[in-house]
Amino acid sequence: MFRKGPDTVEFGKLRKRLIRQVRQALDDFAMVRPGDRWLVCLSGGKDSYTLLALLLDLKWRGMLPVDLLACNLDQAQPGFPAEILPNYLTELGVPHRIERQDTYSIVTSKIEPSKTYCALCSRLRRGHLYRIAREEGCQAVVLGHHREDILETFFLNLFHGGKLASMPPKLLNEEGDRLVLRPLAYAAEDDIARFATAMQFPIIPCDLCGSQEGLQRNVVKQMLADWEKQTPGRKEIMLRALGKANPSHLLDRNLFDFGSLAGQR
C-alpha cells in the first residue's frame, strides 16, 4: 500500500507521527484484544484510506495482533464509482467485503434537501455495519474519525444539544455486542490530508452529505480553524481538555454529589 508513497524525509516524519498517534490511542483506550477481528470501514475518503494504511502498517510491523477486514457500504448514491474500492483492495490483496444497500433513496425521501442528511444517513449506515460485523465474526467496527471530528462533535453538542459530549475513541454499541473504535482520535485532519495526497489514494467524494452547504458542522469547523490560526496549538489543548474532566467543577449533579459538600459551622 505504501509503494506510491514518496521516499522523502518529510513523508517519513509524517508517517511516523501518525503511527505514533494511532499507537497511543490504541494503548490509551485499550482497543486491542489479541485474536480479535476488526471490520475497518472504508468510505473512499482520505480518513478511511489513511486508517486502513496505518493499521496495515502496524500489522506488518507486528504491533497489531488482530485480523483486518476492509468493508465498504455502497449506499447507492447516483454516480458512485462502485468499481474503485474493490479494484484497489483486490490489487493490494487486502481482504474485503463490499455491501450494497440503497440507503440513499431512504435518506433523500425522508429528509428535505434543505435539512441535514447526516444523522439519518449515519444511523442507517451504522446499522448495516453492525450487521456485517456480526456476519463476518468481527468484534469491532473501526472508523476513521479524527481529532477535528471529535472537537466538532463536542461543540455541536455544546451549542445545539445543550450537553457535554463528543465521539469517544472507544464505545460499546447499544446492543452491547460490538465495539466501535476510532484509532485516529489523536490525528490531525491536516496531517491526514497530506498523508492521503502523498499516498495517491483514489479518493471518492461524498455526493450526499458532502454536497450540502451551510451545515452547522461546517460552521463549527471554520470556527475551530479560525481559532487555530489565531492561536496555533489550541486544537491540541482542547483535545487534551476532553480527557481531563473535573466533575466537581461542572454542574452535573449525576456526576458529583454537591449535597455532600459542607463547610464548618
C-alpha atoms as a PDB file:
ATOM      1  CA  MET A   1       0.000   0.000   0.000  1.00  0.00           C
ATOM      2  CA  PHE A   2       2.957   2.302   0.559  1.00  0.00           C
ATOM      3  CA  ARG A   3       4.556   1.730  -2.830  1.00  0.00           C
ATOM      4  CA  LYS A   4       3.250   5.081  -4.131  1.00  0.00           C
ATOM      5  CA  GLY A   5       4.326   6.961  -1.015  1.00  0.00           C
ATOM      6  CA  PRO A   6       7.220   9.370  -1.580  1.00  0.00           C
ATOM      7  CA  ASP A   7      10.670   8.442  -0.315  1.00  0.00           C
ATOM      8  CA  THR A   8      11.301  11.731   1.460  1.00  0.00           C
ATOM      9  CA  VAL A   9      12.310  12.742   4.963  1.00  0.00           C
ATOM     10  CA  GLU A  10       9.175  14.875   5.301  1.00  0.00           C
ATOM     11  CA  PHE A  11       6.850  11.994   4.424  1.00  0.00           C
ATOM     12  CA  GLY A  12       8.769   9.656   6.700  1.00  0.00           C
ATOM     13  CA  LYS A  13       8.247  12.034   9.634  1.00  0.00           C
ATOM     14  CA  LEU A  14       4.543  12.374   8.821  1.00  0.00           C
ATOM     15  CA  ARG A  15       4.123   8.600   8.643  1.00  0.00           C
ATOM     16  CA  LYS A  16       5.936   8.102  11.951  1.00  0.00           C
ATOM     17  CA  ARG A  17       3.880  10.810  13.656  1.00  0.00           C
ATOM     18  CA  LEU A  18       0.588   9.276  12.543  1.00  0.00           C
ATOM     19  CA  ILE A  19       1.738   5.779  13.529  1.00  0.00           C
ATOM     20  CA  ARG A  20       2.775   7.091  16.947  1.00  0.00           C
ATOM     21  CA  GLN A  21      -0.600   8.790  17.454  1.00  0.00           C
ATOM     22  CA  VAL A  22      -2.530   5.671  16.438  1.00  0.00           C
ATOM     23  CA  ARG A  23      -0.459   3.500  18.770  1.00  0.00           C
ATOM     24  CA  GLN A  24      -1.079   5.978  21.585  1.00  0.00           C
ATOM     25  CA  ALA A  25      -4.841   5.865  21.014  1.00  0.00           C
ATOM     26  CA  LEU A  26      -4.809   2.068  20.844  1.00  0.00           C
ATOM     27  CA  ASP A  27      -2.950   1.923  24.164  1.00  0.00           C
ATOM     28  CA  ASP A  28      -4.756   4.747  25.986  1.00  0.00           C
ATOM     29  CA  PHE A  29      -8.187   3.291  25.329  1.00  0.00           C
ATOM     30  CA  ALA A  30      -7.306  -0.429  25.459  1.00  0.00           C
ATOM     31  CA  MET A  31      -8.590  -1.048  21.956  1.00  0.00           C
ATOM     32  CA  VAL A  32      -6.561  -4.142  21.101  1.00  0.00           C
ATOM     33  CA  ARG A  33      -7.524  -7.635  22.188  1.00  0.00           C
ATOM     34  CA  PRO A  34      -5.178 -10.147  20.518  1.00  0.00           C
ATOM     35  CA  GLY A  35      -7.028 -12.503  18.223  1.00  0.00           C
ATOM     36  CA  ASP A  36      -9.971 -10.195  17.563  1.00  0.00           C
ATOM     37  CA  ARG A  37     -11.202  -9.430  14.072  1.00  0.00           C
ATOM     38  CA  TRP A  38     -11.825  -5.807  13.054  1.00  0.00           C
ATOM     39  CA  LEU A  39     -14.202  -4.514  10.402  1.00  0.00           C
ATOM     40  CA  VAL A  40     -12.328  -1.492   9.003  1.00  0.00           C
ATOM     41  CA  CYS A  41     -14.910   0.755   7.380  1.00  0.00           C
ATOM     42  CA  LEU A  42     -13.945   2.461   4.106  1.00  0.00           C
ATOM     43  CA  SER A  43     -15.941   5.288   2.573  1.00  0.00           C
ATOM     44  CA  GLY A  44     -13.397   6.097  -0.101  1.00  0.00           C
ATOM     45  CA  GLY A  45     -12.416   9.338   1.633  1.00  0.00           C
ATOM     46  CA  LYS A  46      -8.989  10.423   2.874  1.00  0.00           C
ATOM     47  CA  ASP A  47      -9.684   9.493   6.502  1.00  0.00           C
ATOM     48  CA  SER A  48     -10.692   5.862   5.977  1.00  0.00           C
ATOM     49  CA  TYR A  49      -7.898   5.218   3.449  1.00  0.00           C
ATOM     50  CA  THR A  50      -5.390   6.596   5.945  1.00  0.00           C
ATOM     51  CA  LEU A  51      -6.905   4.485   8.735  1.00  0.00           C
ATOM     52  CA  LEU A  52      -6.524   1.296   6.704  1.00  0.00           C
ATOM     53  CA  ALA A  53      -2.967   2.150   5.639  1.00  0.00           C
ATOM     54  CA  LEU A  54      -1.801   2.823   9.199  1.00  0.00           C
ATOM     55  CA  LEU A  55      -3.455  -0.299  10.599  1.00  0.00           C
ATOM     56  CA  LEU A  56      -1.867  -2.414   7.862  1.00  0.00           C
ATOM     57  CA  ASP A  57       1.465  -0.740   8.624  1.00  0.00           C
ATOM     58  CA  LEU A  58       1.175  -1.614  12.314  1.00  0.00           C
ATOM     59  CA  LYS A  59       0.125  -5.161  11.483  1.00  0.00           C
ATOM     60  CA  TRP A  60       3.112  -5.540   9.121  1.00  0.00           C
ATOM     61  CA  ARG A  61       5.392  -4.342  11.942  1.00  0.00           C
ATOM     62  CA  GLY A  62       3.923  -6.992  14.267  1.00  0.00           C
ATOM     63  CA  MET A  63       2.331  -4.359  16.524  1.00  0.00           C
ATOM     64  CA  LEU A  64      -1.330  -5.117  15.858  1.00  0.00           C
ATOM     65  CA  PRO A  65      -2.289  -8.738  16.659  1.00  0.00           C
ATOM     66  CA  VAL A  66      -5.765  -8.624  15.103  1.00  0.00           C
ATOM     67  CA  ASP A  67      -7.266  -9.661  11.765  1.00  0.00           C
ATOM     68  CA  LEU A  68      -8.452  -6.855   9.481  1.00  0.00           C
ATOM     69  CA  LEU A  69     -11.392  -6.986   7.086  1.00  0.00           C
ATOM     70  CA  ALA A  70     -11.917  -3.860   4.981  1.00  0.00           C
ATOM     71  CA  CYS A  71     -15.557  -3.057   4.255  1.00  0.00           C
ATOM     72  CA  ASN A  72     -17.285  -0.532   2.035  1.00  0.00           C
ATOM     73  CA  LEU A  73     -21.006   0.086   2.301  1.00  0.00           C
ATOM     74  CA  ASP A  74     -22.128   1.202  -1.154  1.00  0.00           C
ATOM     75  CA  GLN A  75     -25.174   3.364  -0.367  1.00  0.00           C
ATOM     76  CA  ALA A  76     -26.350   3.505  -3.999  1.00  0.00           C
ATOM     77  CA  GLN A  77     -25.669   7.196  -4.459  1.00  0.00           C
ATOM     78  CA  PRO A  78     -26.128   8.221  -8.117  1.00  0.00           C
ATOM     79  CA  GLY A  79     -22.814   8.279  -9.939  1.00  0.00           C
ATOM     80  CA  PHE A  80     -20.923   6.450  -7.199  1.00  0.00           C
ATOM     81  CA  PRO A  81     -17.919   4.738  -8.865  1.00  0.00           C
ATOM     82  CA  ALA A  82     -18.565   1.308  -7.362  1.00  0.00           C
ATOM     83  CA  GLU A  83     -15.554  -0.306  -9.015  1.00  0.00           C
ATOM     84  CA  ILE A  84     -12.830   1.873  -7.453  1.00  0.00           C
ATOM     85  CA  LEU A  85     -12.634   0.393  -3.958  1.00  0.00           C
ATOM     86  CA  PRO A  86     -12.956  -3.309  -4.822  1.00  0.00           C
ATOM     87  CA  ASN A  87     -10.384  -2.934  -7.611  1.00  0.00           C
ATOM     88  CA  TYR A  88      -8.000  -1.084  -5.313  1.00  0.00           C
ATOM     89  CA  LEU A  89      -8.329  -3.561  -2.441  1.00  0.00           C
ATOM     90  CA  THR A  90      -8.072  -6.557  -4.742  1.00  0.00           C
ATOM     91  CA  GLU A  91      -4.908  -5.154  -6.298  1.00  0.00           C
ATOM     92  CA  LEU A  92      -3.407  -4.763  -2.833  1.00  0.00           C
ATOM     93  CA  GLY A  93      -4.516  -8.200  -1.713  1.00  0.00           C
ATOM     94  CA  VAL A  94      -6.468  -6.751   1.224  1.00  0.00           C
ATOM     95  CA  PRO A  95      -9.351  -8.964   2.456  1.00  0.00           C
ATOM     96  CA  HIS A  96     -12.560  -7.014   1.950  1.00  0.00           C
ATOM     97  CA  ARG A  97     -16.323  -7.061   1.645  1.00  0.00           C
ATOM     98  CA  ILE A  98     -18.393  -4.706  -0.500  1.00  0.00           C
ATOM     99  CA  GLU A  99     -22.022  -4.392   0.587  1.00  0.00           C
ATOM    100  CA  ARG A 100     -24.607  -2.516  -1.499  1.00  0.00           C
ATOM    101  CA  GLN A 101     -27.622  -1.137   0.371  1.00  0.00           C
ATOM    102  CA  ASP A 102     -29.777   1.676  -1.030  1.00  0.00           C
ATOM    103  CA  THR A 103     -29.822   3.962   1.989  1.00  0.00           C
ATOM    104  CA  TYR A 104     -29.513   6.958  -0.358  1.00  0.00           C
ATOM    105  CA  SER A 105     -33.145   6.681  -1.500  1.00  0.00           C
ATOM    106  CA  ILE A 106     -34.353   6.319   2.075  1.00  0.00           C
ATOM    107  CA  VAL A 107     -32.474   9.400   3.258  1.00  0.00           C
ATOM    108  CA  THR A 108     -33.440  11.640   0.341  1.00  0.00           C
ATOM    109  CA  SER A 109     -37.109  10.562   0.553  1.00  0.00           C
ATOM    110  CA  LYS A 110     -37.395  11.326   4.275  1.00  0.00           C
ATOM    111  CA  ILE A 111     -35.199  14.437   4.612  1.00  0.00           C
ATOM    112  CA  GLU A 112     -35.834  17.719   2.807  1.00  0.00           C
ATOM    113  CA  PRO A 113     -32.887  18.913   0.671  1.00  0.00           C
ATOM    114  CA  SER A 114     -32.544  21.977   2.905  1.00  0.00           C
ATOM    115  CA  LYS A 115     -32.113  19.783   6.003  1.00  0.00           C
ATOM    116  CA  THR A 116     -29.067  17.841   7.165  1.00  0.00           C
ATOM    117  CA  TYR A 117     -28.843  14.255   5.901  1.00  0.00           C
ATOM    118  CA  CYS A 118     -26.026  13.239   8.250  1.00  0.00           C
ATOM    119  CA  ALA A 119     -27.967  11.949  11.264  1.00  0.00           C
ATOM    120  CA  LEU A 120     -30.278   9.575   9.385  1.00  0.00           C
ATOM    121  CA  CYS A 121     -27.585   8.542   6.919  1.00  0.00           C
ATOM    122  CA  SER A 122     -25.186   7.717   9.752  1.00  0.00           C
ATOM    123  CA  ARG A 123     -27.826   5.765  11.684  1.00  0.00           C
ATOM    124  CA  LEU A 124     -28.746   3.618   8.678  1.00  0.00           C
ATOM    125  CA  ARG A 125     -25.123   3.057   7.754  1.00  0.00           C
ATOM    126  CA  ARG A 126     -24.153   2.092  11.285  1.00  0.00           C
ATOM    127  CA  GLY A 127     -26.956  -0.463  11.497  1.00  0.00           C
ATOM    128  CA  HIS A 128     -25.730  -2.218   8.364  1.00  0.00           C
ATOM    129  CA  LEU A 129     -22.122  -2.157   9.570  1.00  0.00           C
ATOM    130  CA  TYR A 130     -23.060  -3.793  12.874  1.00  0.00           C
ATOM    131  CA  ARG A 131     -24.924  -6.494  10.952  1.00  0.00           C
ATOM    132  CA  ILE A 132     -21.962  -7.091   8.651  1.00  0.00           C
ATOM    133  CA  ALA A 133     -19.611  -7.255  11.643  1.00  0.00           C
ATOM    134  CA  ARG A 134     -21.781  -9.970  13.183  1.00  0.00           C
ATOM    135  CA  GLU A 135     -21.961 -11.903   9.936  1.00  0.00           C
ATOM    136  CA  GLU A 136     -18.180 -11.732   9.465  1.00  0.00           C
ATOM    137  CA  GLY A 137     -17.307 -12.571  13.067  1.00  0.00           C
ATOM    138  CA  CYS A 138     -15.781  -9.143  13.732  1.00  0.00           C
ATOM    139  CA  GLN A 139     -15.734  -7.976  17.338  1.00  0.00           C
ATOM    140  CA  ALA A 140     -15.143  -4.319  16.473  1.00  0.00           C
ATOM    141  CA  VAL A 141     -16.289  -1.773  13.887  1.00  0.00           C
ATOM    142  CA  VAL A 142     -13.360   0.560  13.205  1.00  0.00           C
ATOM    143  CA  LEU A 143     -13.998   4.097  11.942  1.00  0.00           C
ATOM    144  CA  GLY A 144     -11.774   6.861  10.580  1.00  0.00           C
ATOM    145  CA  HIS A 145     -12.896   9.787  12.744  1.00  0.00           C
ATOM    146  CA  HIS A 146     -10.014  12.092  13.669  1.00  0.00           C
ATOM    147  CA  ARG A 147      -9.206  14.910  16.102  1.00  0.00           C
ATOM    148  CA  GLU A 148     -11.276  17.534  14.284  1.00  0.00           C
ATOM    149  CA  ASP A 149     -14.317  15.249  14.099  1.00  0.00           C
ATOM    150  CA  ILE A 150     -14.163  14.794  17.864  1.00  0.00           C
ATOM    151  CA  LEU A 151     -13.812  18.522  18.578  1.00  0.00           C
ATOM    152  CA  GLU A 152     -16.528  19.498  16.108  1.00  0.00           C
ATOM    153  CA  THR A 153     -18.931  16.997  17.658  1.00  0.00           C
ATOM    154  CA  PHE A 154     -18.178  18.373  21.117  1.00  0.00           C
ATOM    155  CA  PHE A 155     -19.047  21.939  20.094  1.00  0.00           C
ATOM    156  CA  LEU A 156     -22.128  20.848  18.139  1.00  0.00           C
ATOM    157  CA  ASN A 157     -23.409  19.116  21.284  1.00  0.00           C
ATOM    158  CA  LEU A 158     -22.466  22.138  23.382  1.00  0.00           C
ATOM    159  CA  PHE A 159     -24.064  24.763  21.124  1.00  0.00           C
ATOM    160  CA  HIS A 160     -27.059  22.840  19.786  1.00  0.00           C
ATOM    161  CA  GLY A 161     -27.598  19.860  22.078  1.00  0.00           C
ATOM    162  CA  GLY A 162     -27.051  21.539  25.419  1.00  0.00           C
ATOM    163  CA  LYS A 163     -24.730  18.797  26.678  1.00  0.00           C
ATOM    164  CA  LEU A 164     -21.054  17.998  27.119  1.00  0.00           C
ATOM    165  CA  ALA A 165     -20.434  15.016  24.839  1.00  0.00           C
ATOM    166  CA  SER A 166     -18.331  14.051  21.878  1.00  0.00           C
ATOM    167  CA  MET A 167     -17.161  10.991  19.912  1.00  0.00           C
ATOM    168  CA  PRO A 168     -15.374   8.610  22.294  1.00  0.00           C
ATOM    169  CA  PRO A 169     -12.396   6.736  20.834  1.00  0.00           C
ATOM    170  CA  LYS A 170     -13.966   3.509  22.114  1.00  0.00           C
ATOM    171  CA  LEU A 171     -17.569   2.627  22.894  1.00  0.00           C
ATOM    172  CA  LEU A 172     -19.957  -0.306  23.061  1.00  0.00           C
ATOM    173  CA  ASN A 173     -22.907  -0.274  20.676  1.00  0.00           C
ATOM    174  CA  GLU A 174     -26.464  -0.108  22.002  1.00  0.00           C
ATOM    175  CA  GLU A 175     -26.909  -3.853  21.630  1.00  0.00           C
ATOM    176  CA  GLY A 176     -23.807  -4.363  23.745  1.00  0.00           C
ATOM    177  CA  ASP A 177     -22.195  -6.889  21.398  1.00  0.00           C
ATOM    178  CA  ARG A 178     -19.812  -4.858  19.215  1.00  0.00           C
ATOM    179  CA  LEU A 179     -17.119  -2.300  19.961  1.00  0.00           C
ATOM    180  CA  VAL A 180     -16.748   0.903  17.959  1.00  0.00           C
ATOM    181  CA  LEU A 181     -13.122   2.060  17.707  1.00  0.00           C
ATOM    182  CA  ARG A 182     -11.604   5.307  16.444  1.00  0.00           C
ATOM    183  CA  PRO A 183      -7.806   4.813  16.279  1.00  0.00           C
ATOM    184  CA  LEU A 184      -7.289   8.208  14.544  1.00  0.00           C
ATOM    185  CA  ALA A 185      -8.650  10.087  17.571  1.00  0.00           C
ATOM    186  CA  TYR A 186      -5.332  11.900  18.149  1.00  0.00           C
ATOM    187  CA  ALA A 187      -4.551  12.523  14.460  1.00  0.00           C
ATOM    188  CA  ALA A 188      -4.945  15.992  12.935  1.00  0.00           C
ATOM    189  CA  GLU A 189      -7.058  16.308   9.801  1.00  0.00           C
ATOM    190  CA  ASP A 190      -4.367  18.356   8.040  1.00  0.00           C
ATOM    191  CA  ASP A 191      -1.836  15.567   8.607  1.00  0.00           C
ATOM    192  CA  ILE A 192      -4.294  13.006   7.277  1.00  0.00           C
ATOM    193  CA  ALA A 193      -4.945  15.131   4.194  1.00  0.00           C
ATOM    194  CA  ARG A 194      -1.200  15.472   3.480  1.00  0.00           C
ATOM    195  CA  PHE A 195      -0.724  11.747   4.004  1.00  0.00           C
ATOM    196  CA  ALA A 196      -3.588  10.841   1.658  1.00  0.00           C
ATOM    197  CA  THR A 197      -2.278  13.163  -1.051  1.00  0.00           C
ATOM    198  CA  ALA A 198       1.233  11.758  -0.775  1.00  0.00           C
ATOM    199  CA  MET A 199      -0.097   8.193  -0.920  1.00  0.00           C
ATOM    200  CA  GLN A 200      -2.178   8.989  -4.034  1.00  0.00           C
ATOM    201  CA  PHE A 201      -5.280   7.283  -2.694  1.00  0.00           C
ATOM    202  CA  PRO A 202      -8.148   7.039  -5.232  1.00  0.00           C
ATOM    203  CA  ILE A 203     -10.447   9.413  -3.321  1.00  0.00           C
ATOM    204  CA  ILE A 204     -14.198   9.090  -3.838  1.00  0.00           C
ATOM    205  CA  PRO A 205     -16.105  12.286  -2.894  1.00  0.00           C
ATOM    206  CA  CYS A 206     -19.327  12.026  -0.908  1.00  0.00           C
ATOM    207  CA  ASP A 207     -22.192  13.325  -3.056  1.00  0.00           C
ATOM    208  CA  LEU A 208     -24.755  13.087  -0.277  1.00  0.00           C
ATOM    209  CA  CYS A 209     -23.811  14.996   2.891  1.00  0.00           C
ATOM    210  CA  GLY A 210     -20.716  16.387   1.167  1.00  0.00           C
ATOM    211  CA  SER A 211     -22.907  18.241  -1.305  1.00  0.00           C
ATOM    212  CA  GLN A 212     -24.889  20.161   1.311  1.00  0.00           C
ATOM    213  CA  GLU A 213     -23.882  23.733   2.034  1.00  0.00           C
ATOM    214  CA  GLY A 214     -24.218  25.625   5.289  1.00  0.00           C
ATOM    215  CA  LEU A 215     -24.243  22.645   7.617  1.00  0.00           C
ATOM    216  CA  GLN A 216     -23.689  23.501  11.282  1.00  0.00           C
ATOM    217  CA  ARG A 217     -20.676  21.178  11.309  1.00  0.00           C
ATOM    218  CA  ASN A 218     -19.094  23.301   8.570  1.00  0.00           C
ATOM    219  CA  VAL A 219     -19.693  26.416  10.661  1.00  0.00           C
ATOM    220  CA  VAL A 220     -18.022  24.814  13.679  1.00  0.00           C
ATOM    221  CA  LYS A 221     -15.156  23.537  11.513  1.00  0.00           C
ATOM    222  CA  GLN A 222     -14.471  27.068  10.307  1.00  0.00           C
ATOM    223  CA  MET A 223     -14.692  28.415  13.866  1.00  0.00           C
ATOM    224  CA  LEU A 224     -12.070  25.923  15.043  1.00  0.00           C
ATOM    225  CA  ALA A 225      -9.857  26.694  12.047  1.00  0.00           C
ATOM    226  CA  ASP A 226     -10.019  30.417  12.854  1.00  0.00           C
ATOM    227  CA  TRP A 227      -9.124  29.757  16.499  1.00  0.00           C
ATOM    228  CA  GLU A 228      -6.198  27.570  15.452  1.00  0.00           C
ATOM    229  CA  LYS A 229      -4.964  30.271  13.076  1.00  0.00           C
ATOM    230  CA  GLN A 230      -5.130  32.911  15.809  1.00  0.00           C
ATOM    231  CA  THR A 231      -3.581  30.656  18.452  1.00  0.00           C
ATOM    232  CA  PRO A 232      -1.659  27.704  16.987  1.00  0.00           C
ATOM    233  CA  GLY A 233      -1.946  24.612  19.161  1.00  0.00           C
ATOM    234  CA  ARG A 234      -5.392  25.445  20.514  1.00  0.00           C
ATOM    235  CA  LYS A 235      -6.989  22.332  18.989  1.00  0.00           C
ATOM    236  CA  GLU A 236      -4.484  20.092  20.721  1.00  0.00           C
ATOM    237  CA  ILE A 237      -5.157  21.836  24.028  1.00  0.00           C
ATOM    238  CA  MET A 238      -8.908  21.368  23.616  1.00  0.00           C
ATOM    239  CA  LEU A 239      -8.468  17.688  22.793  1.00  0.00           C
ATOM    240  CA  ARG A 240      -6.392  17.192  25.952  1.00  0.00           C
ATOM    241  CA  ALA A 241      -9.090  19.003  27.927  1.00  0.00           C
ATOM    242  CA  LEU A 242     -11.655  16.399  26.855  1.00  0.00           C
ATOM    243  CA  GLY A 243      -9.538  13.843  28.686  1.00  0.00           C
ATOM    244  CA  LYS A 244      -9.313  15.884  31.886  1.00  0.00           C
ATOM    245  CA  ALA A 245     -12.900  16.406  33.022  1.00  0.00           C
ATOM    246  CA  ASN A 246     -13.375  17.631  36.593  1.00  0.00           C
ATOM    247  CA  PRO A 247     -16.967  16.782  37.653  1.00  0.00           C
ATOM    248  CA  SER A 248     -16.772  18.834  40.844  1.00  0.00           C
ATOM    249  CA  HIS A 249     -16.180  21.948  38.738  1.00  0.00           C
ATOM    250  CA  LEU A 250     -19.145  21.409  36.433  1.00  0.00           C
ATOM    251  CA  LEU A 251     -22.907  21.451  37.061  1.00  0.00           C
ATOM    252  CA  ASP A 252     -23.865  17.805  36.564  1.00  0.00           C
ATOM    253  CA  ARG A 253     -25.412  16.560  39.823  1.00  0.00           C
ATOM    254  CA  ASN A 254     -25.400  12.991  38.477  1.00  0.00           C
ATOM    255  CA  LEU A 255     -21.609  13.015  38.243  1.00  0.00           C
ATOM    256  CA  PHE A 256     -20.861  14.764  41.523  1.00  0.00           C
ATOM    257  CA  ASP A 257     -22.652  14.792  44.865  1.00  0.00           C
ATOM    258  CA  PHE A 258     -22.798  18.508  45.612  1.00  0.00           C
ATOM    259  CA  GLY A 259     -25.146  17.832  48.525  1.00  0.00           C
ATOM    260  CA  SER A 260     -22.350  16.082  50.422  1.00  0.00           C
ATOM    261  CA  LEU A 261     -20.225  19.239  50.476  1.00  0.00           C
ATOM    262  CA  ALA A 262     -20.367  21.119  53.762  1.00  0.00           C
ATOM    263  CA  GLY A 263     -18.089  23.668  55.341  1.00  0.00           C
ATOM    264  CA  GLN A 264     -17.505  24.271  59.016  1.00  0.00           C
ATOM    265  CA  ARG A 265     -20.269  25.862  61.084  1.00  0.00           C
END
